[in-house]
Amino acid sequence: MVITDAAPLPRAGRHRAGGRIARAGLSDRVDRGSTVVTSGPGTAGALVEQYFESDAAFWSDVYHRADIFSVGIQRRQATALTWVDGLGLPLQTPILEVGCGTGMLSVALAQRRLSVRALDAVAEMVARTQRRAADLGVAAHLSAGVGDVHRLEARDATFGVVIALGVLPWLHSPAIAIREMARVLRPGGWLIVSADNQRSLVNLVDPFRNPFLDPLKQAVIGLLRRPRPAGARPRGDRRAMIDGMLAEAGLTPVAST
């Protein structure tokens, strides 16, 4: 994740996926054009959505588990919240979370009395986010809906902060998504994103993500613990690639883990 002008932030361990927080320009904004797409080429987008739809219960439990993958997810969220807290945002600052999942981060932001818009491509994730917000009494500060980060419905310069954790690796066109997130940021606003690291400890111990296990996975599919639909596999873009996409979108990286 990457940030600008925020309070000093703790650096995370190297086993975690890289994170970025970037800041939108304070003056001239980049002309983003109008070419965006609503779904992935072929069936790629549908396969990813099918995977997360079928695995929604796992993502509800991940914030309460103690395995290394779950702890990594928990620390990633904690870091994002630390960064948001360090920005000193006024109450009711509009925040967009893309890929809200089951709503843990969005609800935590709503509890801070920020005005949260939570989006996910999977209807079941949105429903779980809405239930969580209602159960914890913050529904007045949070709205959730199904949406596509490649084509956001919000107007230009709508949000003070946009957050996308664990999203970019699953997208067919992350550069387009980053441009869209930059478009809806207010001048001087903040984008917090995470980038996958294929050599991270989390990935190396995860049989689905470990690149060195690809030959074994081809031969012994039955040994995999959590089967996924064919084609639903996260990307592993290098940090330099993500930084390049941020720069092309007119964003300035200011901090990272």
Protein backbone atom coordinates (compact mmCIF):
# COMPACT_ATOMS: atom_id res chain seq x y z
CA MET A 1 0.00 0.00 0.00
CA VAL A 2 1.18 3.61 -0.66
CA ILE A 3 0.41 6.99 1.04
CA THR A 4 1.32 10.71 0.90
CA ASP A 5 1.52 13.27 3.71
CA ALA A 6 0.17 10.87 6.31
CA ALA A 7 1.41 10.30 9.83
CA PRO A 8 4.37 7.90 10.20
CA LEU A 9 3.18 4.38 9.54
CA PRO A 10 4.49 1.03 10.78
CA ARG A 11 6.13 -1.08 8.11
CA ALA A 12 4.71 -4.55 7.63
CA GLY A 13 6.60 -7.82 7.41
CA ARG A 14 7.90 -8.93 4.05
CA HIS A 15 5.58 -11.92 3.93
CA ARG A 16 2.61 -9.67 3.27
CA ALA A 17 1.37 -8.55 -0.09
CA GLY A 18 2.68 -5.14 -1.01
CA GLY A 19 0.47 -2.15 -0.30
CA ARG A 20 0.29 1.30 -1.77
CA ILE A 21 -1.38 4.57 -0.93
CA ALA A 22 -1.25 7.30 -3.54
CA ARG A 23 -2.54 10.84 -3.76
CA ALA A 24 -4.51 12.46 -6.53
CA GLY A 25 -3.09 15.61 -8.07
CA LEU A 26 -4.00 18.89 -6.38
CA SER A 27 -4.37 20.81 -9.64
CA ASP A 28 -4.75 19.55 -13.20
CA ARG A 29 -6.30 16.11 -13.53
CA VAL A 30 -5.37 13.60 -16.20
CA ASP A 31 -7.76 13.12 -19.11
CA ARG A 32 -8.79 9.51 -18.56
CA GLY A 33 -10.81 9.11 -21.77
CA SER A 34 -14.00 7.09 -21.94
CA THR A 35 -12.82 3.59 -22.81
CA VAL A 36 -13.76 1.29 -19.95
CA VAL A 37 -15.17 -2.20 -19.90
CA THR A 38 -17.92 -3.72 -17.81
CA SER A 39 -16.80 -7.32 -17.62
CA GLY A 40 -13.80 -9.49 -18.30
CA PRO A 41 -12.95 -10.93 -21.70
CA GLY A 42 -14.81 -14.16 -22.28
CA THR A 43 -15.71 -15.92 -19.06
CA ALA A 44 -12.81 -14.72 -16.90
CA GLY A 45 -14.87 -12.22 -14.91
CA ALA A 46 -17.70 -14.70 -14.41
CA LEU A 47 -15.28 -17.36 -13.16
CA VAL A 48 -13.82 -15.03 -10.55
CA GLU A 49 -17.28 -13.98 -9.39
CA GLN A 50 -18.34 -17.64 -9.22
CA TYR A 51 -15.33 -18.46 -7.07
CA PHE A 52 -16.00 -15.69 -4.55
CA GLU A 53 -19.74 -16.41 -4.54
CA SER A 54 -19.07 -20.03 -3.58
CA ASP A 55 -16.40 -19.06 -1.04
CA ALA A 56 -18.29 -16.23 0.72
CA ALA A 57 -18.46 -18.11 4.02
CA PHE A 58 -14.68 -18.50 4.06
CA TRP A 59 -14.24 -14.74 3.62
CA SER A 60 -16.64 -14.10 6.49
CA ASP A 61 -14.53 -16.29 8.77
CA VAL A 62 -11.09 -15.15 7.62
CA TYR A 63 -10.99 -12.23 10.07
CA HIS A 64 -11.47 -14.60 13.00
CA ARG A 65 -9.00 -17.33 12.03
CA ALA A 66 -5.39 -17.75 13.15
CA ASP A 67 -3.78 -19.39 10.10
CA ILE A 68 -1.04 -17.49 8.28
CA PHE A 69 -3.23 -16.53 5.32
CA SER A 70 -5.97 -15.13 7.56
CA VAL A 71 -3.51 -13.26 9.76
CA GLY A 72 -2.04 -11.66 6.64
CA ILE A 73 -5.50 -10.47 5.58
CA GLN A 74 -6.16 -9.14 9.09
CA ARG A 75 -2.87 -7.23 9.18
CA ARG A 76 -3.53 -5.78 5.74
CA GLN A 77 -6.85 -4.39 6.94
CA ALA A 78 -5.31 -3.09 10.15
CA THR A 79 -2.63 -1.26 8.16
CA ALA A 80 -5.25 0.34 5.91
CA LEU A 81 -7.23 1.51 8.93
CA THR A 82 -4.08 2.93 10.51
CA TRP A 83 -3.42 4.87 7.34
CA VAL A 84 -6.98 6.19 7.16
CA ASP A 85 -6.84 7.23 10.81
CA GLY A 86 -3.58 9.04 10.09
CA LEU A 87 -5.22 11.18 7.43
CA GLY A 88 -7.31 13.07 9.98
CA LEU A 89 -10.40 12.99 7.79
CA PRO A 90 -13.42 15.11 8.76
CA LEU A 91 -16.57 13.24 9.79
CA GLN A 92 -18.72 12.14 6.86
CA THR A 93 -15.83 12.21 4.40
CA PRO A 94 -17.01 10.08 1.47
CA ILE A 95 -15.01 6.86 1.12
CA LEU A 96 -15.31 4.19 -1.55
CA GLU A 97 -14.23 0.62 -0.89
CA VAL A 98 -13.94 -1.47 -4.04
CA GLY A 99 -14.10 -5.22 -3.47
CA CYS A 100 -15.65 -4.84 -0.03
CA GLY A 101 -16.08 -8.59 0.45
CA THR A 102 -18.10 -9.32 3.56
CA GLY A 103 -17.79 -5.74 4.77
CA MET A 104 -15.28 -5.89 7.61
CA LEU A 105 -13.29 -2.85 6.49
CA SER A 106 -16.29 -0.87 5.24
CA VAL A 107 -18.10 -1.35 8.54
CA ALA A 108 -14.99 -0.34 10.50
CA LEU A 109 -14.85 2.85 8.44
CA ALA A 110 -18.55 3.50 9.01
CA GLN A 111 -17.97 3.10 12.75
CA ARG A 112 -15.59 6.05 12.42
CA ARG A 113 -18.56 8.08 11.14
CA LEU A 114 -17.20 8.30 7.62
CA SER A 115 -19.64 8.10 4.72
CA VAL A 116 -18.87 4.73 3.13
CA ARG A 117 -19.86 3.39 -0.26
CA ALA A 118 -19.03 -0.34 -0.47
CA LEU A 119 -18.92 -2.09 -3.85
CA ASP A 120 -18.37 -5.70 -4.82
CA ALA A 121 -18.92 -7.67 -8.00
CA VAL A 122 -20.57 -10.49 -6.03
CA ALA A 123 -24.13 -10.02 -4.76
CA GLU A 124 -23.63 -12.39 -1.81
CA MET A 125 -20.71 -10.28 -0.57
CA VAL A 126 -22.83 -7.14 -0.81
CA ALA A 127 -25.65 -8.80 1.13
CA ARG A 128 -23.25 -9.85 3.89
CA THR A 129 -21.87 -6.31 4.08
CA GLN A 130 -25.36 -4.87 4.43
CA ARG A 131 -26.24 -7.35 7.18
CA ARG A 132 -23.04 -6.61 9.07
CA ALA A 133 -23.67 -2.86 8.89
CA ALA A 134 -27.23 -3.32 10.15
CA ASP A 135 -26.17 -5.68 12.95
CA LEU A 136 -23.56 -3.21 14.18
CA GLY A 137 -25.81 -0.18 13.90
CA VAL A 138 -23.91 1.74 11.21
CA ALA A 139 -26.26 1.29 8.25
CA ALA A 140 -26.87 5.05 8.22
CA HIS A 141 -23.19 5.59 7.38
CA LEU A 142 -22.81 2.84 4.79
CA SER A 143 -24.41 2.00 1.47
CA ALA A 144 -23.46 -1.15 -0.44
CA GLY A 145 -24.11 -2.32 -3.97
CA VAL A 146 -22.92 -4.49 -6.82
CA GLY A 147 -20.48 -2.69 -9.10
CA ASP A 148 -17.61 -3.06 -11.56
CA VAL A 149 -14.39 -1.24 -10.76
CA HIS A 150 -13.63 -1.06 -14.49
CA ARG A 151 -16.68 1.18 -14.90
CA LEU A 152 -17.62 2.98 -11.71
CA GLU A 153 -20.97 4.75 -11.68
CA ALA A 154 -19.80 7.60 -9.45
CA ARG A 155 -19.15 11.03 -10.89
CA ASP A 156 -15.68 12.50 -11.19
CA ALA A 157 -14.10 13.76 -7.95
CA THR A 158 -16.67 12.18 -5.64
CA PHE A 159 -14.60 10.52 -2.91
CA GLY A 160 -11.94 11.70 -0.49
CA VAL A 161 -10.51 8.17 -0.20
CA VAL A 162 -10.75 5.07 -2.39
CA ILE A 163 -9.63 1.70 -1.03
CA ALA A 164 -9.09 -1.56 -2.93
CA LEU A 165 -7.46 -4.33 -0.91
CA GLY A 166 -6.86 -7.69 -2.55
CA VAL A 167 -8.64 -6.52 -5.70
CA LEU A 168 -6.04 -5.78 -8.39
CA PRO A 169 -4.71 -9.37 -8.67
CA TRP A 170 -8.17 -10.59 -9.71
CA LEU A 171 -8.86 -7.98 -12.40
CA HIS A 172 -8.47 -8.54 -16.13
CA SER A 173 -7.53 -4.86 -16.66
CA PRO A 174 -6.01 -3.40 -13.47
CA ALA A 175 -4.72 -0.30 -15.28
CA ILE A 176 -8.26 0.59 -16.35
CA ALA A 177 -9.49 -0.01 -12.81
CA ILE A 178 -6.82 2.26 -11.34
CA ARG A 179 -7.74 5.01 -13.81
CA GLU A 180 -11.38 4.67 -12.81
CA MET A 181 -10.54 4.86 -9.11
CA ALA A 182 -8.38 7.93 -9.79
CA ARG A 183 -11.23 9.51 -11.75
CA VAL A 184 -13.65 9.36 -8.82
CA LEU A 185 -11.07 10.71 -6.35
CA ARG A 186 -11.27 14.34 -5.35
CA PRO A 187 -8.17 16.44 -6.09
CA GLY A 188 -5.82 15.77 -3.21
CA GLY A 189 -7.69 12.58 -2.33
CA TRP A 190 -6.11 9.27 -1.37
CA LEU A 191 -6.05 5.85 -3.03
CA ILE A 192 -5.09 2.83 -0.93
CA VAL A 193 -4.43 -0.37 -2.88
CA SER A 194 -2.66 -3.66 -2.31
CA ALA A 195 -0.59 -5.56 -4.86
CA ASP A 196 0.03 -9.28 -4.83
CA ASN A 197 3.52 -10.67 -4.29
CA GLN A 198 3.90 -14.16 -5.75
CA ARG A 199 7.00 -14.80 -3.63
CA SER A 200 5.39 -13.78 -0.33
CA LEU A 201 5.25 -16.28 2.51
CA VAL A 202 1.46 -16.34 2.29
CA ASN A 203 1.61 -17.37 -1.35
CA LEU A 204 4.39 -19.88 -0.85
CA VAL A 205 2.42 -21.80 1.75
CA ASP A 206 -0.83 -21.55 -0.23
CA PRO A 207 -0.96 -24.43 -2.73
CA PHE A 208 -3.25 -22.39 -4.99
CA ARG A 209 -0.82 -19.47 -5.27
CA ASN A 210 2.66 -21.00 -5.02
CA PRO A 211 4.19 -20.64 -8.52
CA PHE A 212 6.66 -23.45 -7.85
CA LEU A 213 3.80 -25.91 -7.38
CA ASP A 214 2.27 -25.37 -10.82
CA PRO A 215 3.62 -28.66 -12.25
CA LEU A 216 2.39 -30.57 -9.21
CA LYS A 217 -1.03 -28.93 -9.42
CA GLN A 218 -1.32 -30.03 -13.02
CA ALA A 219 -0.75 -33.65 -12.00
CA VAL A 220 -2.46 -33.83 -8.62
CA ILE A 221 -5.50 -31.55 -8.78
CA GLY A 222 -7.35 -33.76 -6.32
CA LEU A 223 -4.96 -32.84 -3.51
CA LEU A 224 -5.97 -29.19 -3.52
CA ARG A 225 -7.94 -28.25 -0.43
CA ARG A 226 -10.20 -25.53 -1.88
CA PRO A 227 -11.04 -26.20 -5.53
CA ARG A 228 -11.52 -23.16 -7.71
CA PRO A 229 -13.29 -22.74 -11.02
CA ALA A 230 -10.88 -23.02 -13.95
CA GLY A 231 -9.46 -19.62 -14.82
CA ALA A 232 -10.20 -17.97 -11.45
CA ARG A 233 -6.65 -17.27 -10.43
CA PRO A 234 -5.10 -14.08 -9.05
CA ARG A 235 -2.51 -12.12 -11.01
CA GLY A 236 0.93 -11.45 -9.57
CA ASP A 237 1.83 -8.01 -10.89
CA ARG A 238 5.14 -6.66 -9.65
CA ARG A 239 5.19 -3.54 -7.51
CA ALA A 240 6.93 -1.61 -10.27
CA MET A 241 4.06 -2.43 -12.63
CA ILE A 242 1.50 -1.17 -10.11
CA ASP A 243 3.54 1.98 -9.52
CA GLY A 244 3.56 2.55 -13.28
CA MET A 245 -0.22 2.20 -13.44
CA LEU A 246 -0.60 4.68 -10.57
CA ALA A 247 1.65 7.19 -12.32
CA GLU A 248 -0.25 6.83 -15.59
CA ALA A 249 -3.46 7.60 -13.69
CA GLY A 250 -1.99 10.85 -12.36
CA LEU A 251 -1.39 9.52 -8.84
CA THR A 252 1.69 10.06 -6.70
CA PRO A 253 2.77 7.19 -4.41
CA VAL A 254 3.62 8.45 -0.94
CA ALA A 255 4.03 5.41 1.33
CA SER A 256 4.21 1.64 1.04
CA THR A 257 4.62 -1.55 3.04
